Amino acid sequence: AERATLFVNPAKLTDACHKVLSEAKIDVAEYRSVVDA
């Protein structure tokens, strides 16, 4: 309801990507950690 998490390889994200995600309150986590989440 408040935030979201994108599970992806963080090394693939540019600074521009991080900016877009941050503005939308989307956190970034390792791709394979989705199962634990």
PDB file of all heavy atoms in Angstrom:
ATOM      1  N   ALA A   1       0.803  -1.221   0.000  1.00  0.00           N
ATOM      2  CA  ALA A   1       0.000   0.000   0.000  1.00  0.00           C
ATOM      3  C   ALA A   1       0.838   1.274   0.000  1.00  0.00           C
ATOM      4  O   ALA A   1       0.378   2.328  -0.455  1.00  0.00           O
ATOM      5  CB  ALA A   1      -0.943  -0.001   1.201  1.00  0.00           C
ATOM      6  N   GLU A   2       2.080   1.215   0.489  1.00  0.00           N
ATOM      7  CA  GLU A   2       2.900   2.413   0.621  1.00  0.00           C
ATOM      8  C   GLU A   2       4.147   2.412  -0.254  1.00  0.00           C
ATOM      9  O   GLU A   2       4.520   3.428  -0.826  1.00  0.00           O
ATOM     10  CB  GLU A   2       3.318   2.598   2.093  1.00  0.00           C
ATOM     11  CG  GLU A   2       2.148   2.768   3.050  1.00  0.00           C
ATOM     12  CD  GLU A   2       1.363   4.050   2.797  1.00  0.00           C
ATOM     13  OE1 GLU A   2       1.967   5.018   2.280  1.00  0.00           O
ATOM     14  OE2 GLU A   2       0.157   4.072   3.118  1.00  0.00           O
ATOM     15  N   ARG A   3       4.798   1.251  -0.344  1.00  0.00           N
ATOM     16  CA  ARG A   3       6.055   1.174  -1.083  1.00  0.00           C
ATOM     17  C   ARG A   3       6.044  -0.029  -2.019  1.00  0.00           C
ATOM     18  O   ARG A   3       5.073  -0.819  -2.026  1.00  0.00           O
ATOM     19  CB  ARG A   3       7.258   1.078  -0.128  1.00  0.00           C
ATOM     20  CG  ARG A   3       7.401   2.267   0.818  1.00  0.00           C
ATOM     21  CD  ARG A   3       8.773   2.262   1.486  1.00  0.00           C
ATOM     22  NE  ARG A   3       9.854   2.513   0.534  1.00  0.00           N
ATOM     23  CZ  ARG A   3      10.266   3.736   0.197  1.00  0.00           C
ATOM     24  NH1 ARG A   3       9.698   4.811   0.716  1.00  0.00           N
ATOM     25  NH2 ARG A   3      11.279   3.880  -0.651  1.00  0.00           N
ATOM     26  N   ALA A   4       7.097  -0.164  -2.779  1.00  0.00           N
ATOM     27  CA  ALA A   4       7.261  -1.311  -3.664  1.00  0.00           C
ATOM     28  C   ALA A   4       8.739  -1.681  -3.687  1.00  0.00           C
ATOM     29  O   ALA A   4       9.609  -0.863  -3.338  1.00  0.00           O
ATOM     30  CB  ALA A   4       6.767  -1.001  -5.065  1.00  0.00           C
ATOM     31  N   THR A   5       9.040  -2.900  -4.089  1.00  0.00           N
ATOM     32  CA  THR A   5      10.428  -3.354  -4.189  1.00  0.00           C
ATOM     33  C   THR A   5      10.639  -3.994  -5.551  1.00  0.00           C
ATOM     34  O   THR A   5       9.878  -4.883  -5.959  1.00  0.00           O
ATOM     35  CB  THR A   5      10.767  -4.372  -3.088  1.00  0.00           C
ATOM     36  OG1 THR A   5      10.546  -3.778  -1.805  1.00  0.00           O
ATOM     37  CG2 THR A   5      12.216  -4.812  -3.198  1.00  0.00           C
ATOM     38  N   LEU A   6      11.683  -3.537  -6.245  1.00  0.00           N
ATOM     39  CA  LEU A   6      12.075  -4.114  -7.528  1.00  0.00           C
ATOM     40  C   LEU A   6      13.233  -5.067  -7.270  1.00  0.00           C
ATOM     41  O   LEU A   6      14.297  -4.662  -6.804  1.00  0.00           O
ATOM     42  CB  LEU A   6      12.498  -3.023  -8.505  1.00  0.00           C
ATOM     43  CG  LEU A   6      12.956  -3.496  -9.896  1.00  0.00           C
ATOM     44  CD1 LEU A   6      11.800  -4.128 -10.659  1.00  0.00           C
ATOM     45  CD2 LEU A   6      13.552  -2.331 -10.692  1.00  0.00           C
ATOM     46  N   PHE A   7      13.006  -6.342  -7.557  1.00  0.00           N
ATOM     47  CA  PHE A   7      14.036  -7.358  -7.381  1.00  0.00           C
ATOM     48  C   PHE A   7      14.762  -7.531  -8.713  1.00  0.00           C
ATOM     49  O   PHE A   7      14.211  -8.065  -9.683  1.00  0.00           O
ATOM     50  CB  PHE A   7      13.408  -8.670  -6.921  1.00  0.00           C
ATOM     51  CG  PHE A   7      12.721  -8.564  -5.583  1.00  0.00           C
ATOM     52  CD1 PHE A   7      11.386  -8.171  -5.507  1.00  0.00           C
ATOM     53  CD2 PHE A   7      13.407  -8.832  -4.410  1.00  0.00           C
ATOM     54  CE1 PHE A   7      10.744  -8.068  -4.277  1.00  0.00           C
ATOM     55  CE2 PHE A   7      12.780  -8.724  -3.169  1.00  0.00           C
ATOM     56  CZ  PHE A   7      11.453  -8.331  -3.102  1.00  0.00           C
ATOM     57  N   VAL A   8      16.009  -7.065  -8.747  1.00  0.00           N
ATOM     58  CA  VAL A   8      16.765  -7.003  -9.989  1.00  0.00           C
ATOM     59  C   VAL A   8      18.245  -6.948  -9.634  1.00  0.00           C
ATOM     60  O   VAL A   8      18.602  -6.628  -8.494  1.00  0.00           O
ATOM     61  CB  VAL A   8      16.341  -5.746 -10.808  1.00  0.00           C
ATOM     62  CG1 VAL A   8      16.766  -4.480 -10.101  1.00  0.00           C
ATOM     63  CG2 VAL A   8      16.848  -5.784 -12.234  1.00  0.00           C
ATOM     64  N   ASN A   9      19.088  -7.242 -10.587  1.00  0.00           N
ATOM     65  CA  ASN A   9      20.518  -7.059 -10.365  1.00  0.00           C
ATOM     66  C   ASN A   9      20.801  -5.557 -10.287  1.00  0.00           C
ATOM     67  O   ASN A   9      20.679  -4.846 -11.278  1.00  0.00           O
ATOM     68  CB  ASN A   9      21.296  -7.684 -11.525  1.00  0.00           C
ATOM     69  CG  ASN A   9      22.801  -7.507 -11.392  1.00  0.00           C
ATOM     70  OD1 ASN A   9      23.293  -6.890 -10.445  1.00  0.00           O
ATOM     71  ND2 ASN A   9      23.528  -8.041 -12.354  1.00  0.00           N
ATOM     72  N   PRO A  10      21.188  -5.031  -9.123  1.00  0.00           N
ATOM     73  CA  PRO A  10      21.380  -3.582  -8.971  1.00  0.00           C
ATOM     74  C   PRO A  10      22.427  -3.005  -9.917  1.00  0.00           C
ATOM     75  O   PRO A  10      22.354  -1.822 -10.281  1.00  0.00           O
ATOM     76  CB  PRO A  10      21.841  -3.446  -7.506  1.00  0.00           C
ATOM     77  CG  PRO A  10      21.321  -4.667  -6.827  1.00  0.00           C
ATOM     78  CD  PRO A  10      21.414  -5.760  -7.854  1.00  0.00           C
ATOM     79  N   ALA A  11      23.374  -3.825 -10.342  1.00  0.00           N
ATOM     80  CA  ALA A  11      24.430  -3.345 -11.234  1.00  0.00           C
ATOM     81  C   ALA A  11      23.881  -2.954 -12.602  1.00  0.00           C
ATOM     82  O   ALA A  11      24.549  -2.244 -13.363  1.00  0.00           O
ATOM     83  CB  ALA A  11      25.509  -4.414 -11.387  1.00  0.00           C
ATOM     84  N   LYS A  12      22.680  -3.402 -12.924  1.00  0.00           N
ATOM     85  CA  LYS A  12      22.071  -3.096 -14.217  1.00  0.00           C
ATOM     86  C   LYS A  12      21.410  -1.721 -14.236  1.00  0.00           C
ATOM     87  O   LYS A  12      21.036  -1.220 -15.294  1.00  0.00           O
ATOM     88  CB  LYS A  12      21.029  -4.171 -14.573  1.00  0.00           C
ATOM     89  CG  LYS A  12      21.626  -5.549 -14.823  1.00  0.00           C
ATOM     90  CD  LYS A  12      20.564  -6.650 -14.796  1.00  0.00           C
ATOM     91  CE  LYS A  12      19.503  -6.465 -15.849  1.00  0.00           C
ATOM     92  NZ  LYS A  12      20.016  -6.690 -17.211  1.00  0.00           N
ATOM     93  N   LEU A  13      21.239  -1.108 -13.064  1.00  0.00           N
ATOM     94  CA  LEU A  13      20.507   0.153 -12.958  1.00  0.00           C
ATOM     95  C   LEU A  13      21.451   1.353 -13.070  1.00  0.00           C
ATOM     96  O   LEU A  13      22.460   1.433 -12.378  1.00  0.00           O
ATOM     97  CB  LEU A  13      19.760   0.221 -11.624  1.00  0.00           C
ATOM     98  CG  LEU A  13      18.657  -0.818 -11.411  1.00  0.00           C
ATOM     99  CD1 LEU A  13      18.185  -0.787  -9.959  1.00  0.00           C
ATOM    100  CD2 LEU A  13      17.486  -0.570 -12.356  1.00  0.00           C
ATOM    101  N   THR A  14      21.106   2.284 -13.924  1.00  0.00           N
ATOM    102  CA  THR A  14      21.866   3.531 -14.048  1.00  0.00           C
ATOM    103  C   THR A  14      21.410   4.518 -12.976  1.00  0.00           C
ATOM    104  O   THR A  14      20.404   4.294 -12.277  1.00  0.00           O
ATOM    105  CB  THR A  14      21.646   4.154 -15.430  1.00  0.00           C
ATOM    106  OG1 THR A  14      20.252   4.508 -15.558  1.00  0.00           O
ATOM    107  CG2 THR A  14      22.030   3.195 -16.542  1.00  0.00           C
ATOM    108  N   ASP A  15      22.128   5.630 -12.846  1.00  0.00           N
ATOM    109  CA  ASP A  15      21.720   6.670 -11.898  1.00  0.00           C
ATOM    110  C   ASP A  15      20.333   7.200 -12.235  1.00  0.00           C
ATOM    111  O   ASP A  15      19.530   7.484 -11.334  1.00  0.00           O
ATOM    112  CB  ASP A  15      22.732   7.817 -11.912  1.00  0.00           C
ATOM    113  CG  ASP A  15      24.075   7.425 -11.300  1.00  0.00           C
ATOM    114  OD1 ASP A  15      24.108   6.410 -10.563  1.00  0.00           O
ATOM    115  OD2 ASP A  15      25.071   8.127 -11.569  1.00  0.00           O
ATOM    116  N   ALA A  16      20.049   7.313 -13.525  1.00  0.00           N
ATOM    117  CA  ALA A  16      18.728   7.795 -13.949  1.00  0.00           C
ATOM    118  C   ALA A  16      17.634   6.823 -13.520  1.00  0.00           C
ATOM    119  O   ALA A  16      16.539   7.237 -13.105  1.00  0.00           O
ATOM    120  CB  ALA A  16      18.711   7.997 -15.463  1.00  0.00           C
ATOM    121  N   CYS A  17      17.927   5.533 -13.591  1.00  0.00           N
ATOM    122  CA  CYS A  17      16.949   4.527 -13.152  1.00  0.00           C
ATOM    123  C   CYS A  17      16.696   4.655 -11.652  1.00  0.00           C
ATOM    124  O   CYS A  17      15.545   4.623 -11.193  1.00  0.00           O
ATOM    125  CB  CYS A  17      17.455   3.128 -13.467  1.00  0.00           C
ATOM    126  SG  CYS A  17      17.546   2.721 -15.218  1.00  0.00           S
ATOM    127  N   HIS A  18      17.770   4.780 -10.878  1.00  0.00           N
ATOM    128  CA  HIS A  18      17.628   4.917  -9.423  1.00  0.00           C
ATOM    129  C   HIS A  18      16.789   6.152  -9.074  1.00  0.00           C
ATOM    130  O   HIS A  18      15.981   6.117  -8.141  1.00  0.00           O
ATOM    131  CB  HIS A  18      19.008   5.027  -8.768  1.00  0.00           C
ATOM    132  CG  HIS A  18      19.698   3.710  -8.590  1.00  0.00           C
ATOM    133  ND1 HIS A  18      19.256   2.748  -7.712  1.00  0.00           N
ATOM    134  CD2 HIS A  18      20.816   3.199  -9.187  1.00  0.00           C
ATOM    135  CE1 HIS A  18      20.056   1.699  -7.746  1.00  0.00           C
ATOM    136  NE2 HIS A  18      21.021   1.938  -8.637  1.00  0.00           N
ATOM    137  N   LYS A  19      16.967   7.214  -9.825  1.00  0.00           N
ATOM    138  CA  LYS A  19      16.213   8.439  -9.570  1.00  0.00           C
ATOM    139  C   LYS A  19      14.717   8.220  -9.797  1.00  0.00           C
ATOM    140  O   LYS A  19      13.880   8.607  -8.970  1.00  0.00           O
ATOM    141  CB  LYS A  19      16.713   9.568 -10.476  1.00  0.00           C
ATOM    142  CG  LYS A  19      16.059  10.927 -10.244  1.00  0.00           C
ATOM    143  CD  LYS A  19      16.728  11.995 -11.106  1.00  0.00           C
ATOM    144  CE  LYS A  19      16.156  13.387 -10.798  1.00  0.00           C
ATOM    145  NZ  LYS A  19      14.735  13.507 -11.195  1.00  0.00           N
ATOM    146  N   VAL A  20      14.380   7.575 -10.909  1.00  0.00           N
ATOM    147  CA  VAL A  20      12.975   7.296 -11.221  1.00  0.00           C
ATOM    148  C   VAL A  20      12.352   6.394 -10.151  1.00  0.00           C
ATOM    149  O   VAL A  20      11.226   6.632  -9.691  1.00  0.00           O
ATOM    150  CB  VAL A  20      12.858   6.632 -12.615  1.00  0.00           C
ATOM    151  CG1 VAL A  20      11.463   6.050 -12.819  1.00  0.00           C
ATOM    152  CG2 VAL A  20      13.171   7.640 -13.709  1.00  0.00           C
ATOM    153  N   LEU A  21      13.071   5.361  -9.746  1.00  0.00           N
ATOM    154  CA  LEU A  21      12.557   4.431  -8.744  1.00  0.00           C
ATOM    155  C   LEU A  21      12.407   5.103  -7.385  1.00  0.00           C
ATOM    156  O   LEU A  21      11.405   4.899  -6.689  1.00  0.00           O
ATOM    157  CB  LEU A  21      13.490   3.226  -8.640  1.00  0.00           C
ATOM    158  CG  LEU A  21      13.590   2.339  -9.891  1.00  0.00           C
ATOM    159  CD1 LEU A  21      14.671   1.282  -9.719  1.00  0.00           C
ATOM    160  CD2 LEU A  21      12.250   1.684 -10.202  1.00  0.00           C
ATOM    161  N   SER A  22      13.386   5.909  -7.010  1.00  0.00           N
ATOM    162  CA  SER A  22      13.335   6.594  -5.717  1.00  0.00           C
ATOM    163  C   SER A  22      12.148   7.540  -5.644  1.00  0.00           C
ATOM    164  O   SER A  22      11.455   7.610  -4.612  1.00  0.00           O
ATOM    165  CB  SER A  22      14.639   7.352  -5.483  1.00  0.00           C
ATOM    166  OG  SER A  22      14.587   8.083  -4.274  1.00  0.00           O
ATOM    167  N   GLU A  23      11.915   8.282  -6.717  1.00  0.00           N
ATOM    168  CA  GLU A  23      10.789   9.223  -6.742  1.00  0.00           C
ATOM    169  C   GLU A  23       9.451   8.514  -6.581  1.00  0.00           C
ATOM    170  O   GLU A  23       8.490   9.090  -6.058  1.00  0.00           O
ATOM    171  CB  GLU A  23      10.816  10.013  -8.048  1.00  0.00           C
ATOM    172  CG  GLU A  23      11.972  11.017  -8.146  1.00  0.00           C
ATOM    173  CD  GLU A  23      12.050  11.680  -9.506  1.00  0.00           C
ATOM    174  OE1 GLU A  23      11.355  11.212 -10.440  1.00  0.00           O
ATOM    175  OE2 GLU A  23      12.805  12.661  -9.650  1.00  0.00           O
ATOM    176  N   ALA A  24       9.379   7.265  -7.027  1.00  0.00           N
ATOM    177  CA  ALA A  24       8.133   6.494  -6.922  1.00  0.00           C
ATOM    178  C   ALA A  24       8.089   5.618  -5.679  1.00  0.00           C
ATOM    179  O   ALA A  24       7.170   4.810  -5.523  1.00  0.00           O
ATOM    180  CB  ALA A  24       7.971   5.626  -8.170  1.00  0.00           C
ATOM    181  N   LYS A  25       9.082   5.790  -4.785  1.00  0.00           N
ATOM    182  CA  LYS A  25       9.165   5.006  -3.550  1.00  0.00           C
ATOM    183  C   LYS A  25       9.256   3.511  -3.839  1.00  0.00           C
ATOM    184  O   LYS A  25       8.561   2.687  -3.238  1.00  0.00           O
ATOM    185  CB  LYS A  25       7.979   5.297  -2.631  1.00  0.00           C
ATOM    186  CG  LYS A  25       7.923   6.738  -2.146  1.00  0.00           C
ATOM    187  CD  LYS A  25       6.751   6.970  -1.203  1.00  0.00           C
ATOM    188  CE  LYS A  25       6.715   8.403  -0.708  1.00  0.00           C
ATOM    189  NZ  LYS A  25       5.583   8.661   0.208  1.00  0.00           N
ATOM    190  N   ILE A  26      10.133   3.182  -4.786  1.00  0.00           N
ATOM    191  CA  ILE A  26      10.412   1.787  -5.115  1.00  0.00           C
ATOM    192  C   ILE A  26      11.828   1.453  -4.645  1.00  0.00           C
ATOM    193  O   ILE A  26      12.797   2.053  -5.107  1.00  0.00           O
ATOM    194  CB  ILE A  26      10.291   1.524  -6.635  1.00  0.00           C
ATOM    195  CG1 ILE A  26       8.863   1.823  -7.122  1.00  0.00           C
ATOM    196  CG2 ILE A  26      10.663   0.078  -6.957  1.00  0.00           C
ATOM    197  CD1 ILE A  26       8.677   1.633  -8.615  1.00  0.00           C
ATOM    198  N   ASP A  27      11.930   0.518  -3.720  1.00  0.00           N
ATOM    199  CA  ASP A  27      13.234   0.062  -3.239  1.00  0.00           C
ATOM    200  C   ASP A  27      13.817  -0.957  -4.227  1.00  0.00           C
ATOM    201  O   ASP A  27      13.095  -1.540  -5.048  1.00  0.00           O
ATOM    202  CB  ASP A  27      13.099  -0.572  -1.855  1.00  0.00           C
ATOM    203  CG  ASP A  27      12.510   0.398  -0.838  1.00  0.00           C
ATOM    204  OD1 ASP A  27      12.925   1.571  -0.838  1.00  0.00           O
ATOM    205  OD2 ASP A  27      11.611  -0.023  -0.071  1.00  0.00           O
ATOM    206  N   VAL A  28      15.108  -1.191  -4.111  1.00  0.00           N
ATOM    207  CA  VAL A  28      15.792  -2.154  -4.969  1.00  0.00           C
ATOM    208  C   VAL A  28      16.396  -3.251  -4.114  1.00  0.00           C
ATOM    209  O   VAL A  28      17.007  -2.989  -3.083  1.00  0.00           O
ATOM    210  CB  VAL A  28      16.906  -1.472  -5.801  1.00  0.00           C
ATOM    211  CG1 VAL A  28      17.677  -2.509  -6.618  1.00  0.00           C
ATOM    212  CG2 VAL A  28      16.296  -0.413  -6.711  1.00  0.00           C
ATOM    213  N   ALA A  29      16.178  -4.517  -4.533  1.00  0.00           N
ATOM    214  CA  ALA A  29      16.748  -5.660  -3.830  1.00  0.00           C
ATOM    215  C   ALA A  29      17.295  -6.648  -4.854  1.00  0.00           C
ATOM    216  O   ALA A  29      16.929  -6.602  -6.035  1.00  0.00           O
ATOM    217  CB  ALA A  29      15.693  -6.329  -2.951  1.00  0.00           C
ATOM    218  N   GLU A  30      18.180  -7.543  -4.407  1.00  0.00           N
ATOM    219  CA  GLU A  30      18.753  -8.539  -5.301  1.00  0.00           C
ATOM    220  C   GLU A  30      17.654  -9.413  -5.917  1.00  0.00           C
ATOM    221  O   GLU A  30      16.682  -9.772  -5.251  1.00  0.00           O
ATOM    222  CB  GLU A  30      19.748  -9.427  -4.545  1.00  0.00           C
ATOM    223  CG  GLU A  30      21.061  -8.757  -4.217  1.00  0.00           C
ATOM    224  CD  GLU A  30      21.952  -8.616  -5.447  1.00  0.00           C
ATOM    225  OE1 GLU A  30      21.618  -9.197  -6.502  1.00  0.00           O
ATOM    226  OE2 GLU A  30      22.965  -7.904  -5.348  1.00  0.00           O
ATOM    227  N   TYR A  31      17.848  -9.756  -7.172  1.00  0.00           N
ATOM    228  CA  TYR A  31      16.847 -10.503  -7.938  1.00  0.00           C
ATOM    229  C   TYR A  31      16.402 -11.773  -7.216  1.00  0.00           C
ATOM    230  O   TYR A  31      15.198 -12.020  -7.061  1.00  0.00           O
ATOM    231  CB  TYR A  31      17.424 -10.840  -9.314  1.00  0.00           C
ATOM    232  CG  TYR A  31      16.575 -11.775 -10.135  1.00  0.00           C
ATOM    233  CD1 TYR A  31      15.352 -11.354 -10.669  1.00  0.00           C
ATOM    234  CD2 TYR A  31      16.990 -13.079 -10.389  1.00  0.00           C
ATOM    235  CE1 TYR A  31      14.569 -12.211 -11.429  1.00  0.00           C
ATOM    236  CE2 TYR A  31      16.218 -13.931 -11.159  1.00  0.00           C
ATOM    237  CZ  TYR A  31      15.008 -13.501 -11.673  1.00  0.00           C
ATOM    238  OH  TYR A  31      14.239 -14.360 -12.430  1.00  0.00           O
ATOM    239  N   ARG A  32      17.346 -12.560  -6.753  1.00  0.00           N
ATOM    240  CA  ARG A  32      17.003 -13.869  -6.182  1.00  0.00           C
ATOM    241  C   ARG A  32      16.445 -13.781  -4.762  1.00  0.00           C
ATOM    242  O   ARG A  32      16.010 -14.794  -4.211  1.00  0.00           O
ATOM    243  CB  ARG A  32      18.228 -14.778  -6.207  1.00  0.00           C
ATOM    244  CG  ARG A  32      18.743 -15.044  -7.623  1.00  0.00           C
ATOM    245  CD  ARG A  32      19.874 -16.054  -7.635  1.00  0.00           C
ATOM    246  NE  ARG A  32      20.458 -16.175  -8.961  1.00  0.00           N
ATOM    247  CZ  ARG A  32      19.961 -16.893  -9.962  1.00  0.00           C
ATOM    248  NH1 ARG A  32      18.830 -17.570  -9.762  1.00  0.00           N
ATOM    249  NH2 ARG A  32      20.561 -16.955 -11.136  1.00  0.00           N
ATOM    250  N   SER A  33      16.436 -12.597  -4.163  1.00  0.00           N
ATOM    251  CA  SER A  33      15.920 -12.467  -2.796  1.00  0.00           C
ATOM    252  C   SER A  33      14.400 -12.369  -2.752  1.00  0.00           C
ATOM    253  O   SER A  33      13.823 -12.267  -1.669  1.00  0.00           O
ATOM    254  CB  SER A  33      16.539 -11.244  -2.119  1.00  0.00           C
ATOM    255  OG  SER A  33      16.103 -10.033  -2.734  1.00  0.00           O
ATOM    256  N   VAL A  34      13.746 -12.424  -3.907  1.00  0.00           N
ATOM    257  CA  VAL A  34      12.290 -12.296  -3.937  1.00  0.00           C
ATOM    258  C   VAL A  34      11.617 -13.431  -3.173  1.00  0.00           C
ATOM    259  O   VAL A  34      10.595 -13.226  -2.503  1.00  0.00           O
ATOM    260  CB  VAL A  34      11.772 -12.233  -5.390  1.00  0.00           C
ATOM    261  CG1 VAL A  34      12.066 -13.519  -6.143  1.00  0.00           C
ATOM    262  CG2 VAL A  34      10.283 -11.929  -5.422  1.00  0.00           C
ATOM    263  N   VAL A  35      12.186 -14.632  -3.246  1.00  0.00           N
ATOM    264  CA  VAL A  35      11.565 -15.780  -2.564  1.00  0.00           C
ATOM    265  C   VAL A  35      11.544 -15.556  -1.059  1.00  0.00           C
ATOM    266  O   VAL A  35      10.539 -15.832  -0.386  1.00  0.00           O
ATOM    267  CB  VAL A  35      12.314 -17.082  -2.923  1.00  0.00           C
ATOM    268  CG1 VAL A  35      11.736 -18.259  -2.129  1.00  0.00           C
ATOM    269  CG2 VAL A  35      12.209 -17.362  -4.414  1.00  0.00           C
ATOM    270  N   ASP A  36      12.657 -15.060  -0.518  1.00  0.00           N
ATOM    271  CA  ASP A  36      12.707 -14.784   0.925  1.00  0.00           C
ATOM    272  C   ASP A  36      11.764 -13.646   1.300  1.00  0.00           C
ATOM    273  O   ASP A  36      11.141 -13.669   2.374  1.00  0.00           O
ATOM    274  CB  ASP A  36      14.134 -14.430   1.339  1.00  0.00           C
ATOM    275  CG  ASP A  36      15.075 -15.627   1.242  1.00  0.00           C
ATOM    276  OD1 ASP A  36      14.598 -16.762   1.414  1.00  0.00           O
ATOM    277  OD2 ASP A  36      16.275 -15.413   0.967  1.00  0.00           O
ATOM    278  N   ALA A  37      11.638 -12.634   0.432  1.00  0.00           N
ATOM    279  CA  ALA A  37      10.731 -11.517   0.707  1.00  0.00           C
ATOM    280  C   ALA A  37       9.284 -11.997   0.745  1.00  0.00           C
ATOM    281  O   ALA A  37       8.495 -11.581   1.611  1.00  0.00           O
ATOM    282  CB  ALA A  37      10.904 -10.430  -0.350  1.00  0.00           C
TER     283      ALA A  37
END
